[in-house]
Amino acid sequence: MNHFSVKTLLLVAALAAMILPANAKPKIASGSNCNSNWVNNAGAMACFIQGEEETRAGAKHPHYVACAGGDIFCCKDDDNGNQDCVAQAKSKLPSRAVLLNAVRAAQRARLKQ
């Protein structure tokens, strides 16, 4: 290939990359953005338990706790990699029963692996 052909090929590839739609939106929230304070949020703890139960049941896209900008979310991905998140309202500490259920759910999920 000559110099002109290579430049043309690169230009066409760059234009195609800009025109073609992306398959998934970038994820806004991530579990790696969370600190340990999310366990003090009853909504986030309920989300965690729900995700553990869904994982144990074999759900393709279980719920998970994620954070962004200091806010805590309960999220679920779809088949296209899009993220659907619901903010968790600040609330009092979860009850002892909720914490025990979370520990049990995590243990069951680990045993299943």
C-alpha atoms as a PDB file:
ATOM      1  CA  MET A   1       0.000   0.000   0.000  1.00  0.00           C
ATOM      2  CA  ASN A   2       1.199   3.452  -0.734  1.00  0.00           C
ATOM      3  CA  HIS A   3       1.190   6.382   1.689  1.00  0.00           C
ATOM      4  CA  PHE A   4      -2.064   7.823   0.313  1.00  0.00           C
ATOM      5  CA  SER A   5      -3.929   4.492   0.673  1.00  0.00           C
ATOM      6  CA  VAL A   6      -2.885   4.103   4.307  1.00  0.00           C
ATOM      7  CA  LYS A   7      -4.026   7.648   5.145  1.00  0.00           C
ATOM      8  CA  THR A   8      -7.347   7.073   3.388  1.00  0.00           C
ATOM      9  CA  LEU A   9      -7.908   3.781   5.202  1.00  0.00           C
ATOM     10  CA  LEU A  10      -7.180   5.386   8.579  1.00  0.00           C
ATOM     11  CA  LEU A  11      -9.495   8.303   7.831  1.00  0.00           C
ATOM     12  CA  VAL A  12     -12.350   5.996   6.831  1.00  0.00           C
ATOM     13  CA  ALA A  13     -11.829   3.882   9.987  1.00  0.00           C
ATOM     14  CA  ALA A  14     -11.838   6.980  12.194  1.00  0.00           C
ATOM     15  CA  LEU A  15     -15.039   8.296  10.595  1.00  0.00           C
ATOM     16  CA  ALA A  16     -16.746   4.925  10.967  1.00  0.00           C
ATOM     17  CA  ALA A  17     -15.793   4.767  14.638  1.00  0.00           C
ATOM     18  CA  MET A  18     -17.311   8.204  15.239  1.00  0.00           C
ATOM     19  CA  ILE A  19     -20.527   7.466  13.335  1.00  0.00           C
ATOM     20  CA  LEU A  20     -21.329   3.991  14.673  1.00  0.00           C
ATOM     21  CA  PRO A  21     -23.334   4.020  17.910  1.00  0.00           C
ATOM     22  CA  ALA A  22     -21.845   2.549  21.048  1.00  0.00           C
ATOM     23  CA  ASN A  23     -23.458  -0.611  22.420  1.00  0.00           C
ATOM     24  CA  ALA A  24     -23.497   0.436  26.065  1.00  0.00           C
ATOM     25  CA  LYS A  25     -23.497   3.613  28.064  1.00  0.00           C
ATOM     26  CA  PRO A  26     -20.533   4.117  30.364  1.00  0.00           C
ATOM     27  CA  LYS A  27     -21.262   2.980  33.882  1.00  0.00           C
ATOM     28  CA  ILE A  28     -21.878   5.882  36.198  1.00  0.00           C
ATOM     29  CA  ALA A  29     -21.627   4.075  39.520  1.00  0.00           C
ATOM     30  CA  SER A  30     -19.190   1.375  40.571  1.00  0.00           C
ATOM     31  CA  GLY A  31     -18.686  -0.802  43.616  1.00  0.00           C
ATOM     32  CA  SER A  32     -15.046   0.223  43.635  1.00  0.00           C
ATOM     33  CA  ASN A  33     -16.170   3.802  44.381  1.00  0.00           C
ATOM     34  CA  CYS A  34     -17.842   2.716  47.638  1.00  0.00           C
ATOM     35  CA  ASN A  35     -16.310   2.930  51.051  1.00  0.00           C
ATOM     36  CA  SER A  36     -17.389   0.783  53.975  1.00  0.00           C
ATOM     37  CA  ASN A  37     -20.167   3.214  54.970  1.00  0.00           C
ATOM     38  CA  TRP A  38     -22.648   1.640  52.558  1.00  0.00           C
ATOM     39  CA  VAL A  39     -23.278  -1.167  55.065  1.00  0.00           C
ATOM     40  CA  ASN A  40     -24.863   1.455  57.333  1.00  0.00           C
ATOM     41  CA  ASN A  41     -27.532   2.150  54.706  1.00  0.00           C
ATOM     42  CA  ALA A  42     -30.580  -0.108  55.061  1.00  0.00           C
ATOM     43  CA  GLY A  43     -31.506   0.293  51.369  1.00  0.00           C
ATOM     44  CA  ALA A  44     -28.005  -0.641  50.225  1.00  0.00           C
ATOM     45  CA  MET A  45     -27.954  -3.618  52.586  1.00  0.00           C
ATOM     46  CA  ALA A  46     -31.303  -4.801  51.217  1.00  0.00           C
ATOM     47  CA  CYS A  47     -29.886  -4.419  47.689  1.00  0.00           C
ATOM     48  CA  PHE A  48     -26.835  -6.470  48.660  1.00  0.00           C
ATOM     49  CA  ILE A  49     -29.035  -9.240  50.084  1.00  0.00           C
ATOM     50  CA  GLN A  50     -31.239  -9.193  46.985  1.00  0.00           C
ATOM     51  CA  GLY A  51     -28.161  -9.472  44.752  1.00  0.00           C
ATOM     52  CA  GLU A  52     -26.801 -12.403  46.771  1.00  0.00           C
ATOM     53  CA  GLU A  53     -30.142 -14.209  46.508  1.00  0.00           C
ATOM     54  CA  GLU A  54     -30.358 -13.508  42.774  1.00  0.00           C
ATOM     55  CA  THR A  55     -26.789 -14.755  42.286  1.00  0.00           C
ATOM     56  CA  ARG A  56     -27.591 -17.926  44.186  1.00  0.00           C
ATOM     57  CA  ALA A  57     -30.698 -18.394  42.034  1.00  0.00           C
ATOM     58  CA  GLY A  58     -28.595 -18.018  38.860  1.00  0.00           C
ATOM     59  CA  ALA A  59     -29.808 -14.599  37.718  1.00  0.00           C
ATOM     60  CA  LYS A  60     -27.991 -13.322  34.649  1.00  0.00           C
ATOM     61  CA  HIS A  61     -27.847  -9.748  35.981  1.00  0.00           C
ATOM     62  CA  PRO A  62     -28.170  -9.606  39.778  1.00  0.00           C
ATOM     63  CA  HIS A  63     -28.532  -6.346  41.711  1.00  0.00           C
ATOM     64  CA  TYR A  64     -25.399  -4.827  43.235  1.00  0.00           C
ATOM     65  CA  VAL A  65     -24.406  -1.890  45.421  1.00  0.00           C
ATOM     66  CA  ALA A  66     -22.467   0.855  43.636  1.00  0.00           C
ATOM     67  CA  CYS A  67     -21.394   4.385  44.482  1.00  0.00           C
ATOM     68  CA  ALA A  68     -20.703   7.622  42.616  1.00  0.00           C
ATOM     69  CA  GLY A  69     -19.961  11.086  43.932  1.00  0.00           C
ATOM     70  CA  GLY A  70     -20.515  10.010  47.526  1.00  0.00           C
ATOM     71  CA  ASP A  71     -24.007   8.657  46.788  1.00  0.00           C
ATOM     72  CA  ILE A  72     -25.011   5.008  47.193  1.00  0.00           C
ATOM     73  CA  PHE A  73     -27.044   3.202  44.531  1.00  0.00           C
ATOM     74  CA  CYS A  74     -28.684  -0.164  43.984  1.00  0.00           C
ATOM     75  CA  CYS A  75     -27.893  -1.098  40.377  1.00  0.00           C
ATOM     76  CA  LYS A  76     -28.649  -3.770  37.830  1.00  0.00           C
ATOM     77  CA  ASP A  77     -27.188  -4.156  34.344  1.00  0.00           C
ATOM     78  CA  ASP A  78     -29.111  -5.223  31.260  1.00  0.00           C
ATOM     79  CA  ASP A  79     -28.062  -7.437  28.334  1.00  0.00           C
ATOM     80  CA  ASN A  80     -26.552  -4.432  26.533  1.00  0.00           C
ATOM     81  CA  GLY A  81     -24.363  -3.445  29.478  1.00  0.00           C
ATOM     82  CA  ASN A  82     -26.521  -0.447  30.382  1.00  0.00           C
ATOM     83  CA  GLN A  83     -26.730   0.340  34.064  1.00  0.00           C
ATOM     84  CA  ASP A  84     -30.058   0.975  35.830  1.00  0.00           C
ATOM     85  CA  CYS A  85     -29.462   2.468  39.287  1.00  0.00           C
ATOM     86  CA  VAL A  86     -31.755   3.667  42.051  1.00  0.00           C
ATOM     87  CA  ALA A  87     -30.394   5.989  44.739  1.00  0.00           C
ATOM     88  CA  GLN A  88     -30.714   4.669  48.257  1.00  0.00           C
ATOM     89  CA  ALA A  89     -32.171   7.127  50.762  1.00  0.00           C
ATOM     90  CA  LYS A  90     -30.167   7.791  53.876  1.00  0.00           C
ATOM     91  CA  SER A  91     -31.651   5.981  56.797  1.00  0.00           C
ATOM     92  CA  LYS A  92     -30.870   4.573  60.179  1.00  0.00           C
ATOM     93  CA  LEU A  93     -28.551   1.621  60.679  1.00  0.00           C
ATOM     94  CA  PRO A  94     -29.924  -1.708  59.456  1.00  0.00           C
ATOM     95  CA  SER A  95     -31.415  -3.973  62.079  1.00  0.00           C
ATOM     96  CA  ARG A  96     -29.519  -6.937  63.496  1.00  0.00           C
ATOM     97  CA  ALA A  97     -31.797  -9.264  61.518  1.00  0.00           C
ATOM     98  CA  VAL A  98     -30.916  -7.506  58.240  1.00  0.00           C
ATOM     99  CA  LEU A  99     -27.194  -7.740  59.005  1.00  0.00           C
ATOM    100  CA  LEU A 100     -27.479 -11.453  59.872  1.00  0.00           C
ATOM    101  CA  ASN A 101     -29.413 -12.109  56.660  1.00  0.00           C
ATOM    102  CA  ALA A 102     -26.668 -10.370  54.686  1.00  0.00           C
ATOM    103  CA  VAL A 103     -23.979 -12.499  56.320  1.00  0.00           C
ATOM    104  CA  ARG A 104     -25.967 -15.695  55.711  1.00  0.00           C
ATOM    105  CA  ALA A 105     -26.625 -14.762  52.079  1.00  0.00           C
ATOM    106  CA  ALA A 106     -22.928 -14.057  51.508  1.00  0.00           C
ATOM    107  CA  GLN A 107     -21.965 -17.374  53.092  1.00  0.00           C
ATOM    108  CA  ARG A 108     -24.481 -19.294  50.973  1.00  0.00           C
ATOM    109  CA  ALA A 109     -23.179 -17.591  47.826  1.00  0.00           C
ATOM    110  CA  ARG A 110     -19.571 -18.480  48.720  1.00  0.00           C
ATOM    111  CA  LEU A 111     -20.456 -22.093  49.465  1.00  0.00           C
ATOM    112  CA  LYS A 112     -22.191 -22.377  46.109  1.00  0.00           C
ATOM    113  CA  GLN A 113     -19.050 -21.268  44.246  1.00  0.00           C
END
